[in-house]
Amino acid sequence: MVFVSGLPPFDPATGEILPAPIERQTELILEQLKLCLETAGTSLRNVMKCNIYCTSAKHFATVNAIYARYFPEEPPARIFVCVPEWTGPFDIEIDCVAMA
């Protein structure tokens, strides 16, 4: 099993967290999640569960649409939890568990 801890939306080139719309934040996180899994020898197709933490329920439809692009067939189980705020300047964080 591979456990990927929560990832904020950081720019892979600089490591900085960039102020961006929720769409871009979600894409950045899922791209980094994909990279972490591939580095560990697995892929998004082997994800069993994702935990999505977001600062507002109003982002659900947008996050859901982007999530569906990364998991187009047989998406893994997931939760979407609203949190009031972070210590950083971002709106979403995602972690996952995958099979190796």
C-alpha atoms as a PDB file:
ATOM      1  CA  MET A   1       0.000   0.000   0.000  1.00  0.00           C
ATOM      2  CA  VAL A   2       1.086   3.553  -0.685  1.00  0.00           C
ATOM      3  CA  PHE A   3      -0.033   6.416   1.545  1.00  0.00           C
ATOM      4  CA  VAL A   4       0.316   9.919   0.105  1.00  0.00           C
ATOM      5  CA  SER A   5      -0.026  12.608   2.741  1.00  0.00           C
ATOM      6  CA  GLY A   6      -2.082  15.726   2.190  1.00  0.00           C
ATOM      7  CA  LEU A   7      -0.755  17.887  -0.594  1.00  0.00           C
ATOM      8  CA  PRO A   8      -1.361  21.618  -0.893  1.00  0.00           C
ATOM      9  CA  PRO A   9      -1.409  23.263  -4.346  1.00  0.00           C
ATOM     10  CA  PHE A  10       2.271  24.081  -4.752  1.00  0.00           C
ATOM     11  CA  ASP A  11       4.032  24.899  -7.997  1.00  0.00           C
ATOM     12  CA  PRO A  12       6.254  21.895  -8.829  1.00  0.00           C
ATOM     13  CA  ALA A  13       8.858  24.136 -10.448  1.00  0.00           C
ATOM     14  CA  THR A  14       9.349  26.445  -7.459  1.00  0.00           C
ATOM     15  CA  GLY A  15       7.803  24.655  -4.474  1.00  0.00           C
ATOM     16  CA  GLU A  16       5.835  27.810  -3.729  1.00  0.00           C
ATOM     17  CA  ILE A  17       2.126  27.845  -2.995  1.00  0.00           C
ATOM     18  CA  LEU A  18       0.623  30.113  -5.606  1.00  0.00           C
ATOM     19  CA  PRO A  19      -2.574  32.101  -5.214  1.00  0.00           C
ATOM     20  CA  ALA A  20      -4.855  30.525  -7.813  1.00  0.00           C
ATOM     21  CA  PRO A  21      -8.520  29.760  -8.441  1.00  0.00           C
ATOM     22  CA  ILE A  22      -9.873  26.525  -7.004  1.00  0.00           C
ATOM     23  CA  GLU A  23      -9.724  24.892 -10.457  1.00  0.00           C
ATOM     24  CA  ARG A  24      -5.967  25.410 -10.737  1.00  0.00           C
ATOM     25  CA  GLN A  25      -5.355  24.470  -7.091  1.00  0.00           C
ATOM     26  CA  THR A  26      -7.152  21.165  -7.636  1.00  0.00           C
ATOM     27  CA  GLU A  27      -5.220  20.435 -10.844  1.00  0.00           C
ATOM     28  CA  LEU A  28      -1.880  21.188  -9.181  1.00  0.00           C
ATOM     29  CA  ILE A  29      -2.667  18.847  -6.300  1.00  0.00           C
ATOM     30  CA  LEU A  30      -3.863  15.992  -8.497  1.00  0.00           C
ATOM     31  CA  GLU A  31      -0.808  16.333 -10.752  1.00  0.00           C
ATOM     32  CA  GLN A  32       1.479  16.128  -7.704  1.00  0.00           C
ATOM     33  CA  LEU A  33      -0.531  13.197  -6.345  1.00  0.00           C
ATOM     34  CA  LYS A  34      -0.078  11.431  -9.695  1.00  0.00           C
ATOM     35  CA  LEU A  35       3.676  12.108  -9.619  1.00  0.00           C
ATOM     36  CA  CYS A  36       4.011  10.803  -6.043  1.00  0.00           C
ATOM     37  CA  LEU A  37       2.176   7.612  -6.939  1.00  0.00           C
ATOM     38  CA  GLU A  38       4.210   7.035 -10.100  1.00  0.00           C
ATOM     39  CA  THR A  39       7.430   7.618  -8.166  1.00  0.00           C
ATOM     40  CA  ALA A  40       6.271   4.928  -5.716  1.00  0.00           C
ATOM     41  CA  GLY A  41       5.650   2.520  -8.606  1.00  0.00           C
ATOM     42  CA  THR A  42       1.873   2.783  -8.859  1.00  0.00           C
ATOM     43  CA  SER A  43      -0.698   5.083 -10.478  1.00  0.00           C
ATOM     44  CA  LEU A  44      -3.980   6.916 -10.070  1.00  0.00           C
ATOM     45  CA  ARG A  45      -5.739   3.768 -11.330  1.00  0.00           C
ATOM     46  CA  ASN A  46      -4.694   1.999  -8.120  1.00  0.00           C
ATOM     47  CA  VAL A  47      -6.035   4.623  -5.715  1.00  0.00           C
ATOM     48  CA  MET A  48      -8.494   3.109  -3.252  1.00  0.00           C
ATOM     49  CA  LYS A  49      -9.508   6.235  -1.331  1.00  0.00           C
ATOM     50  CA  CYS A  50      -9.016   9.998  -1.395  1.00  0.00           C
ATOM     51  CA  ASN A  51      -9.676  12.477   1.372  1.00  0.00           C
ATOM     52  CA  ILE A  52     -10.432  15.971   0.114  1.00  0.00           C
ATOM     53  CA  TYR A  53     -10.285  18.858   2.561  1.00  0.00           C
ATOM     54  CA  CYS A  54     -11.650  22.161   1.301  1.00  0.00           C
ATOM     55  CA  THR A  55     -12.396  25.538   2.842  1.00  0.00           C
ATOM     56  CA  SER A  56     -15.896  25.772   1.338  1.00  0.00           C
ATOM     57  CA  ALA A  57     -18.689  23.478   0.182  1.00  0.00           C
ATOM     58  CA  LYS A  58     -19.303  25.946  -2.661  1.00  0.00           C
ATOM     59  CA  HIS A  59     -16.206  24.477  -4.366  1.00  0.00           C
ATOM     60  CA  PHE A  60     -17.630  20.931  -4.441  1.00  0.00           C
ATOM     61  CA  ALA A  61     -18.993  20.977  -8.022  1.00  0.00           C
ATOM     62  CA  THR A  62     -15.780  22.464  -9.417  1.00  0.00           C
ATOM     63  CA  VAL A  63     -13.527  20.051  -7.529  1.00  0.00           C
ATOM     64  CA  ASN A  64     -15.791  17.150  -8.499  1.00  0.00           C
ATOM     65  CA  ALA A  65     -15.540  17.998 -12.214  1.00  0.00           C
ATOM     66  CA  ILE A  66     -11.730  18.123 -12.092  1.00  0.00           C
ATOM     67  CA  TYR A  67     -11.544  14.986  -9.942  1.00  0.00           C
ATOM     68  CA  ALA A  68     -13.602  13.162 -12.591  1.00  0.00           C
ATOM     69  CA  ARG A  69     -10.975  14.033 -15.236  1.00  0.00           C
ATOM     70  CA  TYR A  70      -8.270  12.310 -13.192  1.00  0.00           C
ATOM     71  CA  PHE A  71     -10.471   9.353 -12.232  1.00  0.00           C
ATOM     72  CA  PRO A  72     -12.678   8.867 -15.326  1.00  0.00           C
ATOM     73  CA  GLU A  73     -13.498   5.192 -14.738  1.00  0.00           C
ATOM     74  CA  GLU A  74     -14.274   3.466 -11.464  1.00  0.00           C
ATOM     75  CA  PRO A  75     -13.285   6.386  -9.234  1.00  0.00           C
ATOM     76  CA  PRO A  76     -11.992   5.530  -5.773  1.00  0.00           C
ATOM     77  CA  ALA A  77     -13.955   6.052  -2.602  1.00  0.00           C
ATOM     78  CA  ARG A  78     -13.587   9.559  -1.221  1.00  0.00           C
ATOM     79  CA  ILE A  79     -14.752  12.063   1.301  1.00  0.00           C
ATOM     80  CA  PHE A  80     -15.122  15.822   0.912  1.00  0.00           C
ATOM     81  CA  VAL A  81     -14.644  17.584   4.231  1.00  0.00           C
ATOM     82  CA  CYS A  82     -15.117  21.290   4.779  1.00  0.00           C
ATOM     83  CA  VAL A  83     -12.544  22.933   7.032  1.00  0.00           C
ATOM     84  CA  PRO A  84     -12.851  26.545   8.173  1.00  0.00           C
ATOM     85  CA  GLU A  85      -9.355  27.692   7.221  1.00  0.00           C
ATOM     86  CA  TRP A  86      -5.667  26.770   6.883  1.00  0.00           C
ATOM     87  CA  THR A  87      -2.489  28.313   8.080  1.00  0.00           C
ATOM     88  CA  GLY A  88      -1.533  28.737   4.400  1.00  0.00           C
ATOM     89  CA  PRO A  89      -3.017  30.651   1.453  1.00  0.00           C
ATOM     90  CA  PHE A  90      -4.885  27.795  -0.252  1.00  0.00           C
ATOM     91  CA  ASP A  91      -8.374  26.290  -0.333  1.00  0.00           C
ATOM     92  CA  ILE A  92      -7.874  22.567  -0.822  1.00  0.00           C
ATOM     93  CA  GLU A  93      -5.700  19.635   0.203  1.00  0.00           C
ATOM     94  CA  ILE A  94      -5.983  15.997  -0.931  1.00  0.00           C
ATOM     95  CA  ASP A  95      -4.431  12.790   0.392  1.00  0.00           C
ATOM     96  CA  CYS A  96      -4.878   9.201  -0.771  1.00  0.00           C
ATOM     97  CA  VAL A  97      -4.237   5.515  -0.227  1.00  0.00           C
ATOM     98  CA  ALA A  98      -3.290   3.341  -3.209  1.00  0.00           C
ATOM     99  CA  MET A  99      -2.225  -0.209  -3.902  1.00  0.00           C
ATOM    100  CA  ALA A 100       1.403  -0.635  -4.942  1.00  0.00           C
END
